[in-house]
Amino acid sequence: MPKTKVDLTVMINAVHRKQLKAEKCLVSTFKNRIQRIVEHPILQDYLPQSAELCVSLMSDEEIHELNRDYRGKDKATDVLSFALLEGEMLTLPDEISVPLGDIMISYDTALKQSKRGALPRLKPFLCSEIWGLGDELAFLSLHGVLHLLGFDHETDEEAELMEGLEVYLLKTVFPKIYIW
């Protein structure tokens, strides 16, 4: 199968750009990590030949509102994914990009979680205890991409598959951070 081309848009307001800079997290590195995730060979069977993806950083207040309005959960969350296509893959000519959807990440929650460190289930795979904002944003982006591709964690079986993919992809996309 030919390699998927993903047109990636990352939306970050001026306040969050300044905060990312203060945390020594480069926007270009963030975008590059997402691009490496969506271009990973293991995901090629789930993607059309040409796709579009938008990732947005927002505040806890903004994501709280989306979580309440779309999921009925009256609280902030770390990441939300909104697939633009549900069910069967839309068949379009190869020259037309398929819109995968939008991933919304709470900058505030991601920053708090990065200071807490990696999720316990990821820690056995880390080379060090260091887990920065860039690592957390990459993980949340990966989590959102997998949701857009139809993966979920509602049942134990689904969670095992999705979490296994997350670990595998993080290890292969960011080998300096993760051990085999």
Protein backbone atom coordinates (compact mmCIF):
# COMPACT_ATOMS: atom_id res chain seq x y z
CA MET A 1 0.00 0.00 0.00
CA PRO A 2 1.36 3.45 -0.86
CA LYS A 3 2.34 5.71 2.00
CA THR A 4 -0.42 7.98 3.24
CA LYS A 5 0.06 11.70 2.82
CA VAL A 6 -1.47 13.57 5.76
CA ASP A 7 -2.03 17.31 5.52
CA LEU A 8 -1.64 18.37 9.14
CA THR A 9 -2.87 21.66 10.58
CA VAL A 10 -1.87 22.58 14.14
CA MET A 11 -3.81 25.44 15.69
CA ILE A 12 -2.22 27.18 18.67
CA ASN A 13 -3.23 30.62 19.88
CA ALA A 14 -0.67 33.28 20.82
CA VAL A 15 -1.02 32.67 24.56
CA HIS A 16 -0.35 28.93 24.22
CA ARG A 17 2.54 29.57 21.80
CA LYS A 18 4.17 31.76 24.44
CA GLN A 19 3.53 29.13 27.14
CA LEU A 20 4.98 26.37 24.94
CA LYS A 21 8.10 28.47 24.44
CA ALA A 22 8.40 29.00 28.21
CA GLU A 23 8.20 25.21 28.68
CA LYS A 24 10.89 24.75 25.99
CA CYS A 25 8.43 22.89 23.77
CA LEU A 26 8.87 23.90 20.13
CA VAL A 27 5.77 24.06 17.94
CA SER A 28 7.76 22.59 15.05
CA THR A 29 8.77 19.59 17.20
CA PHE A 30 5.15 19.09 18.29
CA LYS A 31 3.97 19.13 14.67
CA ASN A 32 6.83 16.86 13.56
CA ARG A 33 5.95 14.28 16.24
CA ILE A 34 2.30 14.20 15.14
CA GLN A 35 3.38 13.81 11.51
CA ARG A 36 5.62 10.86 12.44
CA ILE A 37 2.72 9.23 14.29
CA VAL A 38 0.24 9.46 11.42
CA GLU A 39 2.84 8.33 8.88
CA HIS A 40 3.84 5.22 10.84
CA PRO A 41 3.63 2.07 8.69
CA ILE A 42 1.43 0.22 11.19
CA LEU A 43 -1.34 2.81 10.70
CA GLN A 44 -1.26 2.79 6.89
CA ASP A 45 -4.01 0.15 6.60
CA TYR A 46 -6.36 2.42 8.57
CA LEU A 47 -5.72 5.56 6.54
CA PRO A 48 -6.75 6.66 3.05
CA GLN A 49 -4.02 7.55 0.55
CA SER A 50 -4.48 11.25 1.27
CA ALA A 51 -5.93 12.66 4.49
CA GLU A 52 -6.39 15.85 6.48
CA LEU A 53 -6.04 16.22 10.24
CA CYS A 54 -6.38 19.24 12.52
CA VAL A 55 -4.92 19.35 16.04
CA SER A 56 -5.82 22.30 18.28
CA LEU A 57 -4.51 23.33 21.68
CA MET A 58 -7.08 25.02 23.90
CA SER A 59 -7.77 25.96 27.50
CA ASP A 60 -9.46 23.81 30.14
CA GLU A 61 -12.50 26.10 29.89
CA GLU A 62 -12.80 25.56 26.14
CA ILE A 63 -12.41 21.79 26.30
CA HIS A 64 -14.79 21.65 29.29
CA GLU A 65 -17.48 23.27 27.15
CA LEU A 66 -16.90 20.80 24.29
CA ASN A 67 -16.86 17.83 26.67
CA ARG A 68 -20.14 18.98 28.22
CA ASP A 69 -21.86 19.76 24.93
CA TYR A 70 -20.75 16.71 22.94
CA ARG A 71 -20.15 14.00 25.54
CA GLY A 72 -22.44 15.08 28.38
CA LYS A 73 -19.49 15.22 30.80
CA ASP A 74 -19.44 18.46 32.77
CA LYS A 75 -15.68 18.67 33.32
CA ALA A 76 -12.45 19.38 31.51
CA THR A 77 -10.57 16.49 29.90
CA ASP A 78 -7.15 16.13 28.34
CA VAL A 79 -8.07 15.23 24.75
CA LEU A 80 -11.15 15.00 22.55
CA SER A 81 -11.37 13.57 19.05
CA PHE A 82 -14.08 14.44 16.57
CA ALA A 83 -14.11 12.13 13.56
CA LEU A 84 -15.49 13.73 10.44
CA LEU A 85 -16.31 10.31 9.03
CA GLU A 86 -17.96 7.52 10.97
CA GLY A 87 -18.31 3.89 9.98
CA GLU A 88 -17.21 2.86 6.50
CA MET A 89 -14.31 4.63 4.85
CA LEU A 90 -15.37 7.26 2.37
CA THR A 91 -14.07 6.41 -1.09
CA LEU A 92 -12.73 9.43 -2.93
CA PRO A 93 -10.35 9.78 -5.87
CA ASP A 94 -6.71 9.56 -4.73
CA GLU A 95 -6.10 13.24 -5.44
CA ILE A 96 -8.78 14.31 -2.93
CA SER A 97 -7.84 14.30 0.77
CA VAL A 98 -10.18 12.56 3.20
CA PRO A 99 -10.85 14.66 6.33
CA LEU A 100 -10.03 12.44 9.31
CA GLY A 101 -11.25 14.88 11.93
CA ASP A 102 -10.16 17.19 14.70
CA ILE A 103 -8.18 16.52 17.86
CA MET A 104 -8.61 19.02 20.67
CA ILE A 105 -6.01 18.99 23.46
CA SER A 106 -6.26 20.97 26.68
CA TYR A 107 -2.95 22.77 27.12
CA ASP A 108 -3.72 23.31 30.83
CA THR A 109 -4.41 19.64 31.52
CA ALA A 110 -1.48 18.47 29.38
CA LEU A 111 0.86 20.73 31.35
CA LYS A 112 -0.44 19.40 34.70
CA GLN A 113 -0.14 15.81 33.49
CA SER A 114 3.40 16.38 32.19
CA LYS A 115 4.46 17.56 35.64
CA ARG A 116 2.90 14.43 37.17
CA GLY A 117 4.91 12.29 34.77
CA ALA A 118 3.97 9.55 32.36
CA LEU A 119 1.00 7.31 32.97
CA PRO A 120 1.98 4.34 35.14
CA ARG A 121 1.29 1.94 32.26
CA LEU A 122 3.91 3.77 30.13
CA LYS A 123 6.65 4.01 32.78
CA PRO A 124 8.11 0.50 32.22
CA PHE A 125 8.92 1.57 28.65
CA LEU A 126 10.65 4.86 29.45
CA CYS A 127 14.41 5.34 29.34
CA SER A 128 14.24 7.89 32.13
CA GLU A 129 11.86 9.50 34.58
CA ILE A 130 11.83 12.67 32.49
CA TRP A 131 8.41 13.29 30.93
CA GLY A 132 8.00 16.76 29.53
CA LEU A 133 5.18 18.71 28.01
CA GLY A 134 6.27 17.67 24.51
CA ASP A 135 6.02 14.00 25.51
CA GLU A 136 2.56 14.51 26.98
CA LEU A 137 1.35 16.40 23.90
CA ALA A 138 2.72 13.65 21.64
CA PHE A 139 0.98 10.97 23.72
CA LEU A 140 -2.34 12.85 23.72
CA SER A 141 -2.06 13.40 19.95
CA LEU A 142 -1.42 9.70 19.42
CA HIS A 143 -4.38 8.82 21.65
CA GLY A 144 -6.58 11.18 19.63
CA VAL A 145 -5.37 9.80 16.28
CA LEU A 146 -6.18 6.26 17.38
CA HIS A 147 -9.70 7.35 18.33
CA LEU A 148 -10.13 8.95 14.89
CA LEU A 149 -9.10 5.66 13.31
CA GLY A 150 -11.78 3.78 15.22
CA PHE A 151 -9.88 2.48 18.25
CA ASP A 152 -11.47 2.80 21.68
CA HIS A 153 -11.04 1.73 25.29
CA GLU A 154 -14.60 1.13 26.45
CA THR A 155 -14.08 -2.60 27.05
CA ASP A 156 -11.06 -4.42 28.49
CA GLU A 157 -10.30 -5.97 25.10
CA GLU A 158 -10.49 -2.62 23.31
CA ALA A 159 -8.34 -0.97 25.97
CA GLU A 160 -5.70 -3.69 25.74
CA LEU A 161 -5.44 -3.29 21.96
CA MET A 162 -5.41 0.52 22.03
CA GLU A 163 -2.92 0.75 24.90
CA GLY A 164 -0.67 -1.80 23.21
CA LEU A 165 -0.70 0.27 20.03
CA GLU A 166 0.08 3.43 22.01
CA VAL A 167 3.13 1.84 23.62
CA TYR A 168 4.33 0.31 20.36
CA LEU A 169 3.93 3.55 18.42
CA LEU A 170 5.54 5.71 21.11
CA LYS A 171 8.51 3.33 21.28
CA THR A 172 9.04 3.30 17.53
CA VAL A 173 8.28 6.94 16.78
CA PHE A 174 10.34 8.30 19.71
CA PRO A 175 13.13 5.73 20.24
CA LYS A 176 15.31 8.05 22.35
CA ILE A 177 12.58 8.25 24.98
CA TYR A 178 11.43 4.65 25.06
CA ILE A 179 13.16 1.31 25.53
CA TRP A 180 12.35 -1.93 23.75
